[in-house]
Amino acid sequence: MENGPLKSHLYGQGQATLTWKQRLEICIGAARGIHYLHTGFIPGIIHRDIKSTNILLDENHEAKVADFGLSRAGPCLDETHVSTGVKGSFGYLDPEYFRRQQLTDKSDVYSFGVVMLEVLCARPAIDPLLAREQVNLAEWALQWKQSGRLDQIIDPKLRGQKFVETAEKCLAEYGVDRPSMGDVLWNLEYALQVQESGSLREDSSANGDPVMVVVGNGDRSEENCSSEASTALVFSQLVTNEGR
């Protein structure tokens, strides 16, 4: 793949910094691939080694999920998990799978949550050279998130509130509390909508054009804008299963 692994673009040397939109689009591409593995077959396929090294970028920075050496068929319809020896990479390994040796597709969800934190914080999942409390990225970032200070350790240019919330849900201790990859994908696509809408709004403001302000609860308030001019700035959040 022309642009190599995602890892090298986050904290490698000699690579241009990815924009927040590029990071979102890469995560969406990877999430779409993992979702297909989980749902495109019966039974689904569990990757078991989702990490930034195994997300490769082509010449257009489109993400491809790679390296299926540890992949396993998922549980059958009448089963809840696959009992198997623990395989994976330190820092990305689902703690519930590690404790119980019970593999589910939610193990991939946990690993992808760690990748999302790498995207936010631009540091490895495990860095033994750091202070003890900072070695494990997932543990360290969740501590900052729970104290309401995560914004102090992520790139200040990133508009990632929805992204952060999704990553946190992926890292829930128990698989049953984590979202499916379909839900993760939908949340990331929504975050991209917010990003693109915000960029469009900023461009319009800079040019002196009318602006539509998007309020958090879905309501809209107009600031000196005609309905015709603001139409292009309105986006909708799909909330039905059919929309997902």
C-alpha atoms as a PDB file:
ATOM      1  CA  MET A   1       0.000   0.000   0.000  1.00  0.00           C
ATOM      2  CA  GLU A   2       1.451   3.318  -1.157  1.00  0.00           C
ATOM      3  CA  ASN A   3       1.155   5.194   2.137  1.00  0.00           C
ATOM      4  CA  GLY A   4       1.906   2.323   4.485  1.00  0.00           C
ATOM      5  CA  PRO A   5       0.382   1.795   7.941  1.00  0.00           C
ATOM      6  CA  LEU A   6      -1.690   4.350   9.817  1.00  0.00           C
ATOM      7  CA  LYS A   7       0.777   4.102  12.695  1.00  0.00           C
ATOM      8  CA  SER A   8       3.566   5.794  10.736  1.00  0.00           C
ATOM      9  CA  HIS A   9       1.351   8.799   9.985  1.00  0.00           C
ATOM     10  CA  LEU A  10       0.361   9.309  13.613  1.00  0.00           C
ATOM     11  CA  TYR A  11       3.738   9.238  15.318  1.00  0.00           C
ATOM     12  CA  GLY A  12       6.264   8.121  12.741  1.00  0.00           C
ATOM     13  CA  GLN A  13       9.071  10.230  11.357  1.00  0.00           C
ATOM     14  CA  GLY A  14       9.140  11.977   8.006  1.00  0.00           C
ATOM     15  CA  GLN A  15       5.362  11.888   7.448  1.00  0.00           C
ATOM     16  CA  ALA A  16       3.059  14.864   6.983  1.00  0.00           C
ATOM     17  CA  THR A  17       0.551  15.374   9.782  1.00  0.00           C
ATOM     18  CA  LEU A  18      -2.925  14.078   8.960  1.00  0.00           C
ATOM     19  CA  THR A  19      -5.757  16.577   9.126  1.00  0.00           C
ATOM     20  CA  TRP A  20      -8.698  15.848  11.405  1.00  0.00           C
ATOM     21  CA  LYS A  21     -10.900  15.157   8.381  1.00  0.00           C
ATOM     22  CA  GLN A  22      -8.345  12.686   7.025  1.00  0.00           C
ATOM     23  CA  ARG A  23      -8.202  10.935  10.395  1.00  0.00           C
ATOM     24  CA  LEU A  24     -11.972  10.667  10.494  1.00  0.00           C
ATOM     25  CA  GLU A  25     -12.159   9.300   6.963  1.00  0.00           C
ATOM     26  CA  ILE A  26      -9.443   6.738   7.721  1.00  0.00           C
ATOM     27  CA  CYS A  27     -11.270   5.576  10.834  1.00  0.00           C
ATOM     28  CA  ILE A  28     -14.525   5.360   8.871  1.00  0.00           C
ATOM     29  CA  GLY A  29     -12.847   3.245   6.184  1.00  0.00           C
ATOM     30  CA  ALA A  30     -11.345   0.889   8.764  1.00  0.00           C
ATOM     31  CA  ALA A  31     -14.627   0.661  10.694  1.00  0.00           C
ATOM     32  CA  ARG A  32     -16.459  -0.156   7.471  1.00  0.00           C
ATOM     33  CA  GLY A  33     -14.012  -3.006   6.779  1.00  0.00           C
ATOM     34  CA  ILE A  34     -14.317  -4.460  10.287  1.00  0.00           C
ATOM     35  CA  HIS A  35     -18.119  -4.153  10.157  1.00  0.00           C
ATOM     36  CA  TYR A  36     -18.093  -6.132   6.911  1.00  0.00           C
ATOM     37  CA  LEU A  37     -16.004  -8.868   8.517  1.00  0.00           C
ATOM     38  CA  HIS A  38     -18.478  -9.114  11.390  1.00  0.00           C
ATOM     39  CA  THR A  39     -21.671  -9.072   9.329  1.00  0.00           C
ATOM     40  CA  GLY A  40     -20.849 -10.024   5.728  1.00  0.00           C
ATOM     41  CA  PHE A  41     -20.597 -13.751   6.452  1.00  0.00           C
ATOM     42  CA  ILE A  42     -22.396 -16.387   8.535  1.00  0.00           C
ATOM     43  CA  PRO A  43     -20.744 -16.830  10.920  1.00  0.00           C
ATOM     44  CA  GLY A  44     -18.869 -13.557  10.915  1.00  0.00           C
ATOM     45  CA  ILE A  45     -15.100 -13.207  11.070  1.00  0.00           C
ATOM     46  CA  ILE A  46     -13.307 -11.801  14.119  1.00  0.00           C
ATOM     47  CA  HIS A  47      -9.998 -10.168  13.176  1.00  0.00           C
ATOM     48  CA  ARG A  48      -8.346 -10.486  16.634  1.00  0.00           C
ATOM     49  CA  ASP A  49      -5.452  -8.142  15.821  1.00  0.00           C
ATOM     50  CA  ILE A  50      -6.912  -4.724  15.040  1.00  0.00           C
ATOM     51  CA  LYS A  51      -4.187  -2.113  15.515  1.00  0.00           C
ATOM     52  CA  SER A  52      -2.780   0.929  13.726  1.00  0.00           C
ATOM     53  CA  THR A  53      -0.065  -1.207  12.124  1.00  0.00           C
ATOM     54  CA  ASN A  54      -2.732  -3.345  10.438  1.00  0.00           C
ATOM     55  CA  ILE A  55      -4.650  -0.414   8.954  1.00  0.00           C
ATOM     56  CA  LEU A  56      -2.948   0.389   5.666  1.00  0.00           C
ATOM     57  CA  LEU A  57      -3.418   3.510   3.531  1.00  0.00           C
ATOM     58  CA  ASP A  58      -3.484   3.609  -0.264  1.00  0.00           C
ATOM     59  CA  GLU A  59      -2.357   6.494  -2.473  1.00  0.00           C
ATOM     60  CA  ASN A  60      -5.519   8.449  -1.565  1.00  0.00           C
ATOM     61  CA  HIS A  61      -5.194   7.712   2.165  1.00  0.00           C
ATOM     62  CA  GLU A  62      -8.155   5.326   2.018  1.00  0.00           C
ATOM     63  CA  ALA A  63      -7.935   2.733   4.776  1.00  0.00           C
ATOM     64  CA  LYS A  64      -7.698  -1.023   4.250  1.00  0.00           C
ATOM     65  CA  VAL A  65      -7.793  -3.549   7.090  1.00  0.00           C
ATOM     66  CA  ALA A  66      -4.901  -6.007   6.709  1.00  0.00           C
ATOM     67  CA  ASP A  67      -3.192  -9.074   8.232  1.00  0.00           C
ATOM     68  CA  PHE A  68      -5.715 -11.834   8.896  1.00  0.00           C
ATOM     69  CA  GLY A  69      -3.233 -14.301  10.381  1.00  0.00           C
ATOM     70  CA  LEU A  70      -5.020 -14.406  13.752  1.00  0.00           C
ATOM     71  CA  SER A  71      -8.580 -14.177  12.424  1.00  0.00           C
ATOM     72  CA  ARG A  72     -11.192 -16.651  13.599  1.00  0.00           C
ATOM     73  CA  ALA A  73     -14.724 -17.508  12.550  1.00  0.00           C
ATOM     74  CA  GLY A  74     -17.200 -15.959  14.966  1.00  0.00           C
ATOM     75  CA  PRO A  75     -19.741 -17.835  17.105  1.00  0.00           C
ATOM     76  CA  CYS A  76     -22.604 -19.684  15.445  1.00  0.00           C
ATOM     77  CA  LEU A  77     -26.147 -18.379  15.758  1.00  0.00           C
ATOM     78  CA  ASP A  78     -26.845 -20.397  18.922  1.00  0.00           C
ATOM     79  CA  GLU A  79     -23.578 -19.386  20.591  1.00  0.00           C
ATOM     80  CA  THR A  80     -22.455 -16.222  22.358  1.00  0.00           C
ATOM     81  CA  HIS A  81     -18.687 -16.582  21.994  1.00  0.00           C
ATOM     82  CA  VAL A  82     -15.791 -18.675  20.714  1.00  0.00           C
ATOM     83  CA  SER A  83     -13.654 -20.346  23.390  1.00  0.00           C
ATOM     84  CA  THR A  84     -10.043 -20.057  22.285  1.00  0.00           C
ATOM     85  CA  GLY A  85      -6.545 -19.282  23.485  1.00  0.00           C
ATOM     86  CA  VAL A  86      -5.761 -15.603  23.803  1.00  0.00           C
ATOM     87  CA  LYS A  87      -4.112 -14.034  20.758  1.00  0.00           C
ATOM     88  CA  GLY A  88      -3.539 -10.390  19.898  1.00  0.00           C
ATOM     89  CA  SER A  89      -1.242  -7.454  20.586  1.00  0.00           C
ATOM     90  CA  PHE A  90      -0.496  -5.885  23.957  1.00  0.00           C
ATOM     91  CA  GLY A  91      -2.219  -2.555  24.404  1.00  0.00           C
ATOM     92  CA  TYR A  92      -5.081  -3.523  22.075  1.00  0.00           C
ATOM     93  CA  LEU A  93      -6.198  -6.742  23.754  1.00  0.00           C
ATOM     94  CA  ASP A  94      -9.764  -6.939  25.055  1.00  0.00           C
ATOM     95  CA  PRO A  95      -9.414  -7.405  28.866  1.00  0.00           C
ATOM     96  CA  GLU A  96     -12.576  -9.524  29.045  1.00  0.00           C
ATOM     97  CA  TYR A  97     -11.238 -11.872  26.355  1.00  0.00           C
ATOM     98  CA  PHE A  98      -7.910 -12.010  28.197  1.00  0.00           C
ATOM     99  CA  ARG A  99      -9.589 -12.982  31.489  1.00  0.00           C
ATOM    100  CA  ARG A 100     -12.130 -15.489  30.170  1.00  0.00           C
ATOM    101  CA  GLN A 101     -10.656 -16.740  26.867  1.00  0.00           C
ATOM    102  CA  GLN A 102     -14.081 -16.062  25.349  1.00  0.00           C
ATOM    103  CA  LEU A 103     -13.771 -14.310  22.000  1.00  0.00           C
ATOM    104  CA  THR A 104     -16.562 -12.194  20.475  1.00  0.00           C
ATOM    105  CA  ASP A 105     -16.772  -9.481  17.830  1.00  0.00           C
ATOM    106  CA  LYS A 106     -16.757  -6.980  20.712  1.00  0.00           C
ATOM    107  CA  SER A 107     -13.062  -7.848  21.159  1.00  0.00           C
ATOM    108  CA  ASP A 108     -12.403  -6.184  17.802  1.00  0.00           C
ATOM    109  CA  VAL A 109     -14.510  -3.231  18.958  1.00  0.00           C
ATOM    110  CA  TYR A 110     -12.264  -2.779  22.008  1.00  0.00           C
ATOM    111  CA  SER A 111      -9.118  -2.901  19.862  1.00  0.00           C
ATOM    112  CA  PHE A 112     -10.574  -0.355  17.469  1.00  0.00           C
ATOM    113  CA  GLY A 113     -11.317   1.925  20.427  1.00  0.00           C
ATOM    114  CA  VAL A 114      -7.592   1.909  21.212  1.00  0.00           C
ATOM    115  CA  VAL A 115      -6.837   2.804  17.586  1.00  0.00           C
ATOM    116  CA  MET A 116      -9.220   5.748  17.898  1.00  0.00           C
ATOM    117  CA  LEU A 117      -7.272   6.957  20.939  1.00  0.00           C
ATOM    118  CA  GLU A 118      -4.047   6.669  18.953  1.00  0.00           C
ATOM    119  CA  VAL A 119      -5.641   8.882  16.315  1.00  0.00           C
ATOM    120  CA  LEU A 120      -6.605  11.433  18.980  1.00  0.00           C
ATOM    121  CA  CYS A 121      -3.403  11.425  21.023  1.00  0.00           C
ATOM    122  CA  ALA A 122      -0.811  10.530  18.336  1.00  0.00           C
ATOM    123  CA  ARG A 123       1.085   8.136  20.599  1.00  0.00           C
ATOM    124  CA  PRO A 124       1.544   4.331  20.745  1.00  0.00           C
ATOM    125  CA  ALA A 125      -0.887   2.030  22.548  1.00  0.00           C
ATOM    126  CA  ILE A 126       2.009   0.915  24.756  1.00  0.00           C
ATOM    127  CA  ASP A 127       5.049   3.085  25.489  1.00  0.00           C
ATOM    128  CA  PRO A 128       7.285   1.570  28.202  1.00  0.00           C
ATOM    129  CA  LEU A 129       9.511   4.659  28.213  1.00  0.00           C
ATOM    130  CA  LEU A 130       6.782   6.811  29.759  1.00  0.00           C
ATOM    131  CA  ALA A 131       5.833   7.144  33.420  1.00  0.00           C
ATOM    132  CA  ARG A 132       4.073   4.091  34.846  1.00  0.00           C
ATOM    133  CA  GLU A 133       0.582   5.609  34.753  1.00  0.00           C
ATOM    134  CA  GLN A 134       1.050   6.617  31.108  1.00  0.00           C
ATOM    135  CA  VAL A 135       2.414   3.357  29.659  1.00  0.00           C
ATOM    136  CA  ASN A 136      -0.973   1.972  28.598  1.00  0.00           C
ATOM    137  CA  LEU A 137      -2.758   4.485  26.356  1.00  0.00           C
ATOM    138  CA  ALA A 138      -6.288   3.179  26.984  1.00  0.00           C
ATOM    139  CA  GLU A 139      -5.951   3.302  30.773  1.00  0.00           C
ATOM    140  CA  TRP A 140      -4.217   6.686  30.733  1.00  0.00           C
ATOM    141  CA  ALA A 141      -6.686   8.371  28.363  1.00  0.00           C
ATOM    142  CA  LEU A 142      -9.749   7.034  30.202  1.00  0.00           C
ATOM    143  CA  GLN A 143      -8.416   8.427  33.476  1.00  0.00           C
ATOM    144  CA  TRP A 144      -8.135  11.874  31.888  1.00  0.00           C
ATOM    145  CA  LYS A 145     -11.564  11.506  30.275  1.00  0.00           C
ATOM    146  CA  GLN A 146     -13.230  10.575  33.561  1.00  0.00           C
ATOM    147  CA  SER A 147     -11.704  13.640  35.229  1.00  0.00           C
ATOM    148  CA  GLY A 148     -12.985  15.832  32.385  1.00  0.00           C
ATOM    149  CA  ARG A 149      -9.500  16.742  31.179  1.00  0.00           C
ATOM    150  CA  LEU A 150      -9.055  14.672  28.021  1.00  0.00           C
ATOM    151  CA  ASP A 151      -8.823  17.857  25.962  1.00  0.00           C
ATOM    152  CA  GLN A 152      -5.452  18.484  27.641  1.00  0.00           C
ATOM    153  CA  ILE A 153      -3.801  15.435  26.061  1.00  0.00           C
ATOM    154  CA  ILE A 154      -5.255  15.498  22.537  1.00  0.00           C
ATOM    155  CA  ASP A 155      -4.446  17.702  19.590  1.00  0.00           C
ATOM    156  CA  PRO A 156      -6.262  21.005  20.301  1.00  0.00           C
ATOM    157  CA  LYS A 157      -7.050  21.382  16.600  1.00  0.00           C
ATOM    158  CA  LEU A 158      -9.210  18.259  16.599  1.00  0.00           C
ATOM    159  CA  ARG A 159     -12.958  18.672  16.964  1.00  0.00           C
ATOM    160  CA  GLY A 160     -13.555  15.236  18.361  1.00  0.00           C
ATOM    161  CA  GLN A 161     -16.228  15.242  21.081  1.00  0.00           C
ATOM    162  CA  LYS A 162     -18.442  12.666  19.360  1.00  0.00           C
ATOM    163  CA  PHE A 163     -15.323  10.754  18.381  1.00  0.00           C
ATOM    164  CA  VAL A 164     -14.090  10.700  21.999  1.00  0.00           C
ATOM    165  CA  GLU A 165     -17.449   9.470  23.294  1.00  0.00           C
ATOM    166  CA  THR A 166     -17.469   6.652  20.746  1.00  0.00           C
ATOM    167  CA  ALA A 167     -13.921   5.596  21.647  1.00  0.00           C
ATOM    168  CA  GLU A 168     -14.825   5.559  25.333  1.00  0.00           C
ATOM    169  CA  LYS A 169     -17.830   3.299  24.686  1.00  0.00           C
ATOM    170  CA  CYS A 170     -15.639   0.917  22.674  1.00  0.00           C
ATOM    171  CA  LEU A 171     -13.352   0.560  25.693  1.00  0.00           C
ATOM    172  CA  ALA A 172     -16.072  -0.528  28.129  1.00  0.00           C
ATOM    173  CA  GLU A 173     -14.810  -3.282  30.430  1.00  0.00           C
ATOM    174  CA  TYR A 174     -17.468  -5.760  29.365  1.00  0.00           C
ATOM    175  CA  GLY A 175     -18.282  -6.567  25.751  1.00  0.00           C
ATOM    176  CA  VAL A 176     -22.024  -6.360  26.310  1.00  0.00           C
ATOM    177  CA  ASP A 177     -21.615  -2.655  27.139  1.00  0.00           C
ATOM    178  CA  ARG A 178     -19.694  -1.871  23.938  1.00  0.00           C
ATOM    179  CA  PRO A 179     -21.381  -0.759  20.704  1.00  0.00           C
ATOM    180  CA  SER A 180     -21.415  -2.932  17.600  1.00  0.00           C
ATOM    181  CA  MET A 181     -19.102  -1.973  14.761  1.00  0.00           C
ATOM    182  CA  GLY A 182     -22.211  -0.875  12.862  1.00  0.00           C
ATOM    183  CA  ASP A 183     -22.978   1.653  15.600  1.00  0.00           C
ATOM    184  CA  VAL A 184     -19.334   2.764  15.714  1.00  0.00           C
ATOM    185  CA  LEU A 185     -19.385   3.306  11.959  1.00  0.00           C
ATOM    186  CA  TRP A 186     -22.586   5.325  12.130  1.00  0.00           C
ATOM    187  CA  ASN A 187     -21.215   7.546  14.918  1.00  0.00           C
ATOM    188  CA  LEU A 188     -18.029   8.203  12.942  1.00  0.00           C
ATOM    189  CA  GLU A 189     -19.978   9.115   9.826  1.00  0.00           C
ATOM    190  CA  TYR A 190     -22.061  11.493  11.913  1.00  0.00           C
ATOM    191  CA  ALA A 191     -18.872  13.035  13.361  1.00  0.00           C
ATOM    192  CA  LEU A 192     -17.666  13.592   9.791  1.00  0.00           C
ATOM    193  CA  GLN A 193     -20.958  15.340   8.963  1.00  0.00           C
ATOM    194  CA  VAL A 194     -20.421  17.633  11.934  1.00  0.00           C
ATOM    195  CA  GLN A 195     -16.833  18.284  10.840  1.00  0.00           C
ATOM    196  CA  GLU A 196     -17.812  19.133   7.271  1.00  0.00           C
ATOM    197  CA  SER A 197     -20.724  21.288   8.393  1.00  0.00           C
ATOM    198  CA  GLY A 198     -18.455  23.201  10.774  1.00  0.00           C
ATOM    199  CA  SER A 199     -15.855  23.753   8.071  1.00  0.00           C
ATOM    200  CA  LEU A 200     -18.507  24.998   5.671  1.00  0.00           C
ATOM    201  CA  ARG A 201     -19.868  27.335   8.326  1.00  0.00           C
ATOM    202  CA  GLU A 202     -16.394  28.751   9.000  1.00  0.00           C
ATOM    203  CA  ASP A 203     -15.801  29.325   5.288  1.00  0.00           C
ATOM    204  CA  SER A 204     -19.131  31.104   4.967  1.00  0.00           C
ATOM    205  CA  SER A 205     -18.353  33.282   7.976  1.00  0.00           C
ATOM    206  CA  ALA A 206     -14.967  34.219   6.549  1.00  0.00           C
ATOM    207  CA  ASN A 207     -16.603  35.273   3.280  1.00  0.00           C
ATOM    208  CA  GLY A 208     -19.304  37.261   4.986  1.00  0.00           C
ATOM    209  CA  ASP A 209     -22.044  34.932   3.764  1.00  0.00           C
ATOM    210  CA  PRO A 210     -25.124  34.002   5.800  1.00  0.00           C
ATOM    211  CA  VAL A 211     -24.609  31.265   8.404  1.00  0.00           C
ATOM    212  CA  MET A 212     -26.839  28.598   9.923  1.00  0.00           C
ATOM    213  CA  VAL A 213     -25.859  27.621  13.463  1.00  0.00           C
ATOM    214  CA  VAL A 214     -26.380  23.957  14.328  1.00  0.00           C
ATOM    215  CA  VAL A 215     -27.450  23.519  17.958  1.00  0.00           C
ATOM    216  CA  GLY A 216     -26.608  20.388  19.935  1.00  0.00           C
ATOM    217  CA  ASN A 217     -30.165  19.155  20.386  1.00  0.00           C
ATOM    218  CA  GLY A 218     -30.898  19.254  16.687  1.00  0.00           C
ATOM    219  CA  ASP A 219     -32.738  22.608  16.719  1.00  0.00           C
ATOM    220  CA  ARG A 220     -31.613  25.335  14.365  1.00  0.00           C
ATOM    221  CA  SER A 221     -31.278  29.068  14.993  1.00  0.00           C
ATOM    222  CA  GLU A 222     -30.781  31.520  12.155  1.00  0.00           C
ATOM    223  CA  GLU A 223     -28.365  34.407  12.229  1.00  0.00           C
ATOM    224  CA  ASN A 224     -29.125  36.927   9.476  1.00  0.00           C
ATOM    225  CA  CYS A 225     -29.679  34.263   6.834  1.00  0.00           C
ATOM    226  CA  SER A 226     -32.334  33.559   4.291  1.00  0.00           C
ATOM    227  CA  SER A 227     -33.804  30.078   4.008  1.00  0.00           C
ATOM    228  CA  GLU A 228     -32.368  29.704   0.502  1.00  0.00           C
ATOM    229  CA  ALA A 229     -28.805  30.509   1.561  1.00  0.00           C
ATOM    230  CA  SER A 230     -28.888  28.288   4.638  1.00  0.00           C
ATOM    231  CA  THR A 231     -30.330  25.171   3.044  1.00  0.00           C
ATOM    232  CA  ALA A 232     -26.935  23.857   1.970  1.00  0.00           C
ATOM    233  CA  LEU A 233     -25.639  24.099   5.537  1.00  0.00           C
ATOM    234  CA  VAL A 234     -28.295  21.945   7.178  1.00  0.00           C
ATOM    235  CA  PHE A 235     -27.575  18.303   7.914  1.00  0.00           C
ATOM    236  CA  SER A 236     -29.791  15.681   9.533  1.00  0.00           C
ATOM    237  CA  GLN A 237     -28.918  12.943  12.011  1.00  0.00           C
ATOM    238  CA  LEU A 238     -30.577   9.656  11.107  1.00  0.00           C
ATOM    239  CA  VAL A 239     -31.878   7.880  14.186  1.00  0.00           C
ATOM    240  CA  THR A 240     -33.734   4.886  12.767  1.00  0.00           C
ATOM    241  CA  ASN A 241     -32.320   1.426  12.227  1.00  0.00           C
ATOM    242  CA  GLU A 242     -33.090   1.774   8.549  1.00  0.00           C
ATOM    243  CA  GLY A 243     -30.943   4.899   8.431  1.00  0.00           C
ATOM    244  CA  ARG A 244     -27.998   2.975   9.847  1.00  0.00           C
END
